C-alpha atoms as a PDB file:
ATOM      1  CA  UNK A   1      88.910  20.347  32.003  1.00  0.00           C
ATOM      2  CA  UNK A   2      92.022  22.378  33.367  1.00  0.00           C
ATOM      3  CA  UNK A   3      95.289  21.088  33.776  1.00  0.00           C
ATOM      4  CA  UNK A   4      95.292  22.375  37.525  1.00  0.00           C
ATOM      5  CA  UNK A   5      92.369  20.081  38.291  1.00  0.00           C
ATOM      6  CA  UNK A   6      93.739  17.432  35.866  1.00  0.00           C
ATOM      7  CA  UNK A   7      97.160  17.424  37.982  1.00  0.00           C
ATOM      8  CA  UNK A   8      95.076  16.678  41.357  1.00  0.00           C
ATOM      9  CA  UNK A   9      93.052  14.440  39.940  1.00  0.00           C
ATOM     10  CA  UNK A  10      96.225  12.287  38.761  1.00  0.00           C
ATOM     11  CA  UNK A  11      98.098  12.440  42.357  1.00  0.00           C
ATOM     12  CA  UNK A  12      95.096  10.975  43.826  1.00  0.00           C
ATOM     13  CA  UNK A  13      95.520   8.110  41.811  1.00  0.00           C
ATOM     14  CA  UNK A  14      98.716   7.743  42.229  1.00  0.00           C
ATOM     15  CA  UNK A  15      98.294   7.900  45.967  1.00  0.00           C
ATOM     16  CA  UNK A  16      95.760   4.601  45.892  1.00  0.00           C
ATOM     17  CA  UNK A  17      97.520   3.046  42.938  1.00  0.00           C
ATOM     18  CA  UNK A  18     101.127   3.586  42.846  1.00  0.00           C
ATOM     19  CA  UNK A  19     100.804   3.870  39.520  1.00  0.00           C
ATOM     20  CA  UNK A  20      99.392   4.756  36.441  1.00  0.00           C
ATOM     21  CA  UNK A  21      99.204   4.523  32.676  1.00  0.00           C
ATOM     22  CA  UNK A  22      98.583   7.811  30.310  1.00  0.00           C
ATOM     23  CA  UNK A  23      96.444   5.496  27.870  1.00  0.00           C
ATOM     24  CA  UNK A  24      94.039   4.753  30.833  1.00  0.00           C
ATOM     25  CA  UNK A  25      94.626   8.485  31.602  1.00  0.00           C
ATOM     26  CA  UNK A  26      93.976   9.595  28.044  1.00  0.00           C
ATOM     27  CA  UNK A  27      90.823   8.211  28.296  1.00  0.00           C
ATOM     28  CA  UNK A  28      89.223   8.872  31.840  1.00  0.00           C
ATOM     29  CA  UNK A  29      90.251  12.840  30.662  1.00  0.00           C
ATOM     30  CA  UNK A  30      88.912  13.227  27.424  1.00  0.00           C
ATOM     31  CA  UNK A  31      92.518  14.776  26.833  1.00  0.00           C
ATOM     32  CA  UNK A  32      95.185  12.906  24.108  1.00  0.00           C
ATOM     33  CA  UNK A  33      97.375  11.142  25.183  1.00  0.00           C
ATOM     34  CA  UNK A  34     100.130  14.002  24.453  1.00  0.00           C
ATOM     35  CA  UNK A  35      98.392  15.872  26.979  1.00  0.00           C
ATOM     36  CA  UNK A  36      98.872  13.041  29.565  1.00  0.00           C
ATOM     37  CA  UNK A  37     102.295  13.140  28.896  1.00  0.00           C
ATOM     38  CA  UNK A  38     102.949  16.980  29.037  1.00  0.00           C
ATOM     39  CA  UNK A  39     101.133  16.141  32.358  1.00  0.00           C
ATOM     40  CA  UNK A  40     103.638  13.485  33.311  1.00  0.00           C
ATOM     41  CA  UNK A  41     106.885  16.030  32.762  1.00  0.00           C
ATOM     42  CA  UNK A  42     105.511  18.571  34.519  1.00  0.00           C
ATOM     43  CA  UNK A  43     104.319  16.538  37.372  1.00  0.00           C
ATOM     44  CA  UNK A  44     107.967  14.670  37.390  1.00  0.00           C
ATOM     45  CA  UNK A  45     109.788  18.521  37.779  1.00  0.00           C
ATOM     46  CA  UNK A  46     107.849  18.792  40.798  1.00  0.00           C
ATOM     47  CA  UNK A  47     109.132  15.350  42.236  1.00  0.00           C
ATOM     48  CA  UNK A  48     106.154  14.090  42.664  1.00  0.00           C
ATOM     49  CA  UNK A  49     106.161  10.750  40.370  1.00  0.00           C
ATOM     50  CA  UNK A  50     109.048   9.270  37.969  1.00  0.00           C
ATOM     51  CA  UNK A  51     107.336   8.563  34.486  1.00  0.00           C
ATOM     52  CA  UNK A  52     108.076   5.054  33.298  1.00  0.00           C
ATOM     53  CA  UNK A  53     107.103   3.406  29.760  1.00  0.00           C
ATOM     54  CA  UNK A  54     103.799   3.856  29.432  1.00  0.00           C
ATOM     55  CA  UNK A  55     103.085   5.828  32.784  1.00  0.00           C
ATOM     56  CA  UNK A  56     104.445   6.590  35.893  1.00  0.00           C
ATOM     57  CA  UNK A  57     104.746   5.579  39.736  1.00  0.00           C
ATOM     58  CA  UNK A  58     104.972   7.520  42.752  1.00  0.00           C
ATOM     59  CA  UNK A  59     108.192   8.805  43.904  1.00  0.00           C
ATOM     60  CA  UNK A  60     108.105   7.161  47.513  1.00  0.00           C
ATOM     61  CA  UNK A  61     110.790  10.183  48.448  1.00  0.00           C
ATOM     62  CA  UNK A  62     108.156  12.649  47.979  1.00  0.00           C
ATOM     63  CA  UNK A  63     107.102  13.365  51.731  1.00  0.00           C
ATOM     64  CA  UNK A  64     103.696  15.810  50.161  1.00  0.00           C
ATOM     65  CA  UNK A  65     102.741  12.726  47.569  1.00  0.00           C
ATOM     66  CA  UNK A  66     102.687   9.155  49.613  1.00  0.00           C
ATOM     67  CA  UNK A  67      99.534   7.739  50.767  1.00  0.00           C
ATOM     68  CA  UNK A  68      98.429   9.576  54.565  1.00  0.00           C
ATOM     69  CA  UNK A  69      99.348   6.522  56.423  1.00  0.00           C
ATOM     70  CA  UNK A  70     103.024   6.366  55.088  1.00  0.00           C
ATOM     71  CA  UNK A  71     103.322  10.117  55.316  1.00  0.00           C
ATOM     72  CA  UNK A  72     102.539  10.991  59.071  1.00  0.00           C
ATOM     73  CA  UNK A  73     105.033   8.787  60.202  1.00  0.00           C
ATOM     74  CA  UNK A  74     108.116  10.758  58.398  1.00  0.00           C
ATOM     75  CA  UNK A  75     110.392  13.041  60.145  1.00  0.00           C
ATOM     76  CA  UNK A  76     107.666  12.316  63.438  1.00  0.00           C
ATOM     77  CA  UNK A  77     110.895  13.800  65.948  1.00  0.00           C
ATOM     78  CA  UNK A  78     110.824  17.074  64.006  1.00  0.00           C
ATOM     79  CA  UNK A  79     107.272  17.095  63.986  1.00  0.00           C
ATOM     80  CA  UNK A  80     107.218  17.103  68.159  1.00  0.00           C
ATOM     81  CA  UNK A  81     109.973  19.497  67.803  1.00  0.00           C
ATOM     82  CA  UNK A  82     107.042  21.961  66.111  1.00  0.00           C
ATOM     83  CA  UNK A  83     104.344  21.307  68.024  1.00  0.00           C
ATOM     84  CA  UNK A  84     106.438  21.874  71.276  1.00  0.00           C
ATOM     85  CA  UNK A  85     107.522  24.981  70.017  1.00  0.00           C
ATOM     86  CA  UNK A  86     103.683  25.806  68.627  1.00  0.00           C
ATOM     87  CA  UNK A  87     102.552  24.880  72.349  1.00  0.00           C
ATOM     88  CA  UNK A  88     104.481  27.936  73.963  1.00  0.00           C
ATOM     89  CA  UNK A  89     102.096  30.291  71.491  1.00  0.00           C
ATOM     90  CA  UNK A  90      98.554  29.070  73.022  1.00  0.00           C
ATOM     91  CA  UNK A  91      97.333  30.526  76.189  1.00  0.00           C
ATOM     92  CA  UNK A  92      93.975  29.398  77.979  1.00  0.00           C
ATOM     93  CA  UNK A  93      90.609  30.848  76.590  1.00  0.00           C
ATOM     94  CA  UNK A  94      91.586  31.053  72.988  1.00  0.00           C
ATOM     95  CA  UNK A  95      89.732  30.003  70.048  1.00  0.00           C
ATOM     96  CA  UNK A  96      92.252  27.918  68.128  1.00  0.00           C
ATOM     97  CA  UNK A  97      92.617  26.557  64.674  1.00  0.00           C
ATOM     98  CA  UNK A  98      94.534  23.116  63.841  1.00  0.00           C
ATOM     99  CA  UNK A  99      94.484  22.867  59.580  1.00  0.00           C
ATOM    100  CA  UNK A 100      94.585  19.124  58.892  1.00  0.00           C
ATOM    101  CA  UNK A 101      97.899  17.409  58.800  1.00  0.00           C
ATOM    102  CA  UNK A 102     100.016  15.251  60.970  1.00  0.00           C
ATOM    103  CA  UNK A 103     101.947  17.898  62.339  1.00  0.00           C
ATOM    104  CA  UNK A 104      98.747  19.916  63.922  1.00  0.00           C
ATOM    105  CA  UNK A 105      97.816  16.487  65.085  1.00  0.00           C
ATOM    106  CA  UNK A 106     101.275  16.429  67.605  1.00  0.00           C
ATOM    107  CA  UNK A 107      99.879  19.561  68.426  1.00  0.00           C
ATOM    108  CA  UNK A 108      96.519  18.551  69.730  1.00  0.00           C
ATOM    109  CA  UNK A 109      97.965  15.457  71.292  1.00  0.00           C
ATOM    110  CA  UNK A 110      99.286  18.062  73.749  1.00  0.00           C
ATOM    111  CA  UNK A 111      96.583  20.149  74.437  1.00  0.00           C
ATOM    112  CA  UNK A 112      93.871  17.912  75.252  1.00  0.00           C
ATOM    113  CA  UNK A 113      94.531  19.500  79.215  1.00  0.00           C
ATOM    114  CA  UNK A 114      93.841  22.526  77.857  1.00  0.00           C
ATOM    115  CA  UNK A 115      90.777  25.167  78.275  1.00  0.00           C
ATOM    116  CA  UNK A 116      90.367  26.168  74.852  1.00  0.00           C
ATOM    117  CA  UNK A 117      88.181  26.465  72.258  1.00  0.00           C
ATOM    118  CA  UNK A 118      89.623  23.754  69.073  1.00  0.00           C
ATOM    119  CA  UNK A 119      88.278  24.454  65.369  1.00  0.00           C
ATOM    120  CA  UNK A 120      89.755  21.341  62.901  1.00  0.00           C
ATOM    121  CA  UNK A 121      89.097  19.269  59.195  1.00  0.00           C
ATOM    122  CA  UNK A 122      91.021  16.432  60.452  1.00  0.00           C
ATOM    123  CA  UNK A 123      89.130  13.555  61.635  1.00  0.00           C
ATOM    124  CA  UNK A 124      91.759  12.138  63.849  1.00  0.00           C
ATOM    125  CA  UNK A 125      92.850  15.714  65.291  1.00  0.00           C
ATOM    126  CA  UNK A 126      88.941  15.395  66.142  1.00  0.00           C
ATOM    127  CA  UNK A 127      88.951  12.269  67.761  1.00  0.00           C
ATOM    128  CA  UNK A 128      92.470  13.031  69.425  1.00  0.00           C
ATOM    129  CA  UNK A 129      90.483  15.724  71.183  1.00  0.00           C
ATOM    130  CA  UNK A 130      86.572  14.098  71.567  1.00  0.00           C
ATOM    131  CA  UNK A 131      86.997  12.764  74.969  1.00  0.00           C
ATOM    132  CA  UNK A 132      88.561  15.885  76.501  1.00  0.00           C
ATOM    133  CA  UNK A 133      87.373  17.886  79.517  1.00  0.00           C
ATOM    134  CA  UNK A 134      88.794  20.984  78.472  1.00  0.00           C
ATOM    135  CA  UNK A 135      88.177  21.457  75.240  1.00  0.00           C
ATOM    136  CA  UNK A 136      85.036  22.901  73.367  1.00  0.00           C
ATOM    137  CA  UNK A 137      85.606  20.613  70.172  1.00  0.00           C
ATOM    138  CA  UNK A 138      84.131  22.325  66.630  1.00  0.00           C
ATOM    139  CA  UNK A 139      84.614  19.913  63.722  1.00  0.00           C
ATOM    140  CA  UNK A 140      84.044  21.486  59.951  1.00  0.00           C
ATOM    141  CA  UNK A 141      81.832  19.908  57.844  1.00  0.00           C
ATOM    142  CA  UNK A 142      82.168  18.825  54.410  1.00  0.00           C
ATOM    143  CA  UNK A 143      83.894  15.868  52.948  1.00  0.00           C
ATOM    144  CA  UNK A 144      87.282  13.897  53.337  1.00  0.00           C
ATOM    145  CA  UNK A 145      89.444  14.214  50.746  1.00  0.00           C
ATOM    146  CA  UNK A 146      90.918  10.726  49.131  1.00  0.00           C
ATOM    147  CA  UNK A 147      93.416   9.350  50.898  1.00  0.00           C
ATOM    148  CA  UNK A 148      93.622  11.910  53.784  1.00  0.00           C
ATOM    149  CA  UNK A 149      92.070  12.258  57.194  1.00  0.00           C
ATOM    150  CA  UNK A 150      91.272  16.045  56.077  1.00  0.00           C
ATOM    151  CA  UNK A 151      87.704  17.374  55.548  1.00  0.00           C
ATOM    152  CA  UNK A 152      87.215  20.193  52.308  1.00  0.00           C
ATOM    153  CA  UNK A 153      84.570  21.740  50.468  1.00  0.00           C
ATOM    154  CA  UNK A 154      82.123  24.057  49.976  1.00  0.00           C
ATOM    155  CA  UNK A 155      80.559  23.250  53.840  1.00  0.00           C
ATOM    156  CA  UNK A 156      83.782  24.128  55.691  1.00  0.00           C
ATOM    157  CA  UNK A 157      84.493  26.812  53.666  1.00  0.00           C
ATOM    158  CA  UNK A 158      81.229  27.794  54.440  1.00  0.00           C
ATOM    159  CA  UNK A 159      81.680  27.213  58.281  1.00  0.00           C
ATOM    160  CA  UNK A 160      85.498  28.989  58.139  1.00  0.00           C
ATOM    161  CA  UNK A 161      83.703  32.180  56.511  1.00  0.00           C
ATOM    162  CA  UNK A 162      81.636  32.999  59.933  1.00  0.00           C
ATOM    163  CA  UNK A 163      84.373  31.684  62.773  1.00  0.00           C
ATOM    164  CA  UNK A 164      86.665  34.169  64.648  1.00  0.00           C
ATOM    165  CA  UNK A 165      89.997  32.521  65.638  1.00  0.00           C
ATOM    166  CA  UNK A 166      93.025  33.397  67.856  1.00  0.00           C
ATOM    167  CA  UNK A 167      95.248  31.492  66.570  1.00  0.00           C
ATOM    168  CA  UNK A 168      95.419  29.435  62.686  1.00  0.00           C
ATOM    169  CA  UNK A 169      97.836  26.967  63.012  1.00  0.00           C
ATOM    170  CA  UNK A 170      98.413  25.615  59.098  1.00  0.00           C
ATOM    171  CA  UNK A 171     100.054  23.120  56.852  1.00  0.00           C
ATOM    172  CA  UNK A 172     101.736  22.980  53.561  1.00  0.00           C
ATOM    173  CA  UNK A 173     103.554  21.103  51.149  1.00  0.00           C
ATOM    174  CA  UNK A 174     106.008  23.556  50.091  1.00  0.00           C
ATOM    175  CA  UNK A 175     106.966  26.992  51.122  1.00  0.00           C
ATOM    176  CA  UNK A 176     109.049  29.008  48.508  1.00  0.00           C
ATOM    177  CA  UNK A 177     110.726  32.656  48.986  1.00  0.00           C
ATOM    178  CA  UNK A 178     108.969  33.454  45.254  1.00  0.00           C
ATOM    179  CA  UNK A 179     106.646  31.234  44.994  1.00  0.00           C
ATOM    180  CA  UNK A 180     105.284  31.243  48.582  1.00  0.00           C
ATOM    181  CA  UNK A 181     103.155  28.495  50.957  1.00  0.00           C
ATOM    182  CA  UNK A 182     101.402  25.810  48.229  1.00  0.00           C
ATOM    183  CA  UNK A 183      99.577  22.526  48.170  1.00  0.00           C
ATOM    184  CA  UNK A 184      98.711  20.314  45.727  1.00  0.00           C
ATOM    185  CA  UNK A 185      94.594  21.054  45.966  1.00  0.00           C
ATOM    186  CA  UNK A 186      92.918  23.439  44.736  1.00  0.00           C
ATOM    187  CA  UNK A 187      89.795  22.787  47.495  1.00  0.00           C
ATOM    188  CA  UNK A 188      92.707  22.499  50.162  1.00  0.00           C
ATOM    189  CA  UNK A 189      94.380  25.945  48.954  1.00  0.00           C
ATOM    190  CA  UNK A 190      90.679  27.544  49.317  1.00  0.00           C
ATOM    191  CA  UNK A 191      89.755  26.334  53.184  1.00  0.00           C
ATOM    192  CA  UNK A 192      93.611  27.331  53.745  1.00  0.00           C
ATOM    193  CA  UNK A 193      92.914  31.230  52.352  1.00  0.00           C
ATOM    194  CA  UNK A 194      89.623  31.347  54.512  1.00  0.00           C
ATOM    195  CA  UNK A 195      91.457  30.142  57.360  1.00  0.00           C
ATOM    196  CA  UNK A 196      94.075  32.884  56.839  1.00  0.00           C
ATOM    197  CA  UNK A 197      91.524  35.703  56.665  1.00  0.00           C
ATOM    198  CA  UNK A 198      89.188  34.192  59.956  1.00  0.00           C
ATOM    199  CA  UNK A 199      92.394  34.173  61.803  1.00  0.00           C
ATOM    200  CA  UNK A 200      94.028  37.335  63.939  1.00  0.00           C
ATOM    201  CA  UNK A 201      97.267  35.063  63.928  1.00  0.00           C
ATOM    202  CA  UNK A 202      98.242  32.571  61.313  1.00  0.00           C
ATOM    203  CA  UNK A 203     101.300  30.262  62.287  1.00  0.00           C
ATOM    204  CA  UNK A 204     102.572  28.656  59.634  1.00  0.00           C
ATOM    205  CA  UNK A 205     104.276  24.801  60.951  1.00  0.00           C
ATOM    206  CA  UNK A 206     106.286  22.557  58.564  1.00  0.00           C
ATOM    207  CA  UNK A 207     109.766  20.640  58.730  1.00  0.00           C
ATOM    208  CA  UNK A 208     112.797  21.481  56.848  1.00  0.00           C
ATOM    209  CA  UNK A 209     112.012  18.933  53.943  1.00  0.00           C
ATOM    210  CA  UNK A 210     109.410  21.441  52.531  1.00  0.00           C
ATOM    211  CA  UNK A 211     111.828  24.207  51.862  1.00  0.00           C
ATOM    212  CA  UNK A 212     112.401  25.683  48.935  1.00  0.00           C
ATOM    213  CA  UNK A 213     109.552  23.333  47.815  1.00  0.00           C
ATOM    214  CA  UNK A 214     106.683  24.145  45.043  1.00  0.00           C
ATOM    215  CA  UNK A 215     103.506  22.613  45.114  1.00  0.00           C
ATOM    216  CA  UNK A 216     100.763  23.115  42.624  1.00  0.00           C
ATOM    217  CA  UNK A 217      98.969  25.904  43.946  1.00  0.00           C
ATOM    218  CA  UNK A 218     100.105  29.215  46.196  1.00  0.00           C
ATOM    219  CA  UNK A 219      97.450  29.994  49.262  1.00  0.00           C
ATOM    220  CA  UNK A 220      99.502  32.389  51.002  1.00  0.00           C
ATOM    221  CA  UNK A 221     102.445  34.884  50.615  1.00  0.00           C
ATOM    222  CA  UNK A 222     105.027  34.625  53.068  1.00  0.00           C
ATOM    223  CA  UNK A 223     103.361  38.541  54.321  1.00  0.00           C
ATOM    224  CA  UNK A 224     100.586  36.493  55.709  1.00  0.00           C
ATOM    225  CA  UNK A 225     101.902  34.721  58.107  1.00  0.00           C
ATOM    226  CA  UNK A 226     102.782  35.892  61.175  1.00  0.00           C
ATOM    227  CA  UNK A 227     105.349  33.161  62.633  1.00  0.00           C
ATOM    228  CA  UNK A 228     106.346  30.164  60.826  1.00  0.00           C
ATOM    229  CA  UNK A 229     108.133  27.167  63.043  1.00  0.00           C
ATOM    230  CA  UNK A 230     110.336  24.611  61.873  1.00  0.00           C
ATOM    231  CA  UNK A 231     112.277  22.005  63.470  1.00  0.00           C
ATOM    232  CA  UNK A 232     116.081  21.760  64.114  1.00  0.00           C
ATOM    233  CA  UNK A 233     116.745  19.994  60.508  1.00  0.00           C
ATOM    234  CA  UNK A 234     116.841  23.740  59.289  1.00  0.00           C
ATOM    235  CA  UNK A 235     120.210  25.451  59.640  1.00  0.00           C
ATOM    236  CA  UNK A 236     120.841  29.152  60.262  1.00  0.00           C
ATOM    237  CA  UNK A 237     121.638  29.710  56.693  1.00  0.00           C
ATOM    238  CA  UNK A 238     118.351  28.668  55.691  1.00  0.00           C
ATOM    239  CA  UNK A 239     116.053  30.837  58.035  1.00  0.00           C
ATOM    240  CA  UNK A 240     117.854  33.385  57.160  1.00  0.00           C
ATOM    241  CA  UNK A 241     116.971  33.757  54.212  1.00  0.00           C
ATOM    242  CA  UNK A 242     113.476  33.781  55.033  1.00  0.00           C
ATOM    243  CA  UNK A 243     113.998  35.944  58.064  1.00  0.00           C
ATOM    244  CA  UNK A 244     115.368  38.733  55.435  1.00  0.00           C
ATOM    245  CA  UNK A 245     111.955  38.711  53.930  1.00  0.00           C
ATOM    246  CA  UNK A 246     110.253  39.829  57.191  1.00  0.00           C
ATOM    247  CA  UNK A 247     109.404  36.155  58.280  1.00  0.00           C
ATOM    248  CA  UNK A 248     109.515  35.164  61.674  1.00  0.00           C
ATOM    249  CA  UNK A 249     110.982  31.965  62.373  1.00  0.00           C
ATOM    250  CA  UNK A 250     111.537  29.944  65.281  1.00  0.00           C
ATOM    251  CA  UNK A 251     112.858  25.894  65.485  1.00  0.00           C
ATOM    252  CA  UNK A 252     111.238  23.788  67.799  1.00  0.00           C
ATOM    253  CA  UNK A 253     112.725  21.623  70.700  1.00  0.00           C
ATOM    254  CA  UNK A 254     112.342  18.140  71.698  1.00  0.00           C
ATOM    255  CA  UNK A 255     109.850  17.936  74.498  1.00  0.00           C
ATOM    256  CA  UNK A 256     111.834  16.549  78.331  1.00  0.00           C
END
């Protein structure tokens, strides 16, 4: 088993149980305990977990790795700011893609009255838009990634490959000047790559806590994104560093 795959599975187990044991992981993945300890060291360096005697526990300050029901309530005001700015870039009649995530969910709540075709791989977003009389809704097929409301897999990728999208609103786990934009799961990364390829305009929605952070797998460079929308928690100096790389950055605002 590749180390990347093993890391993803370790993260999923942490999301479910909150703690893991080296001995159990060693048996489950048929590798030595030394290899598992090395895996945990790497994940601890990324801020995902904290090693304890015989295993590891989830670091609750790590926004990206908390179980989804906890993660969605973090930075709520910031997500609303970002969604309000993102809304300004949408025109009636467009085909838009809403990547799975809590910030794109806030955007979905704002567009229910708009005449749009919306594609999504998020079951929460689909539920929010299902009863809108104005939205043509396309739900990507596949399987649900454990601990999330997100649909991933070969079927979702195949569907995206056949689509032509005006704007893709994307989320991420981390964004870094050198490493680009990243997430922790390979299937999720591959789907995001295809979303970018299928879309004329690519807009990244990310709150200020994800800047200068790197997850396991990079799915895009900064040059592949047309616009980054963040919140007012991102200071001028931070925005300047990313703008210097040629990335257009906008800060959101609170709705009145």
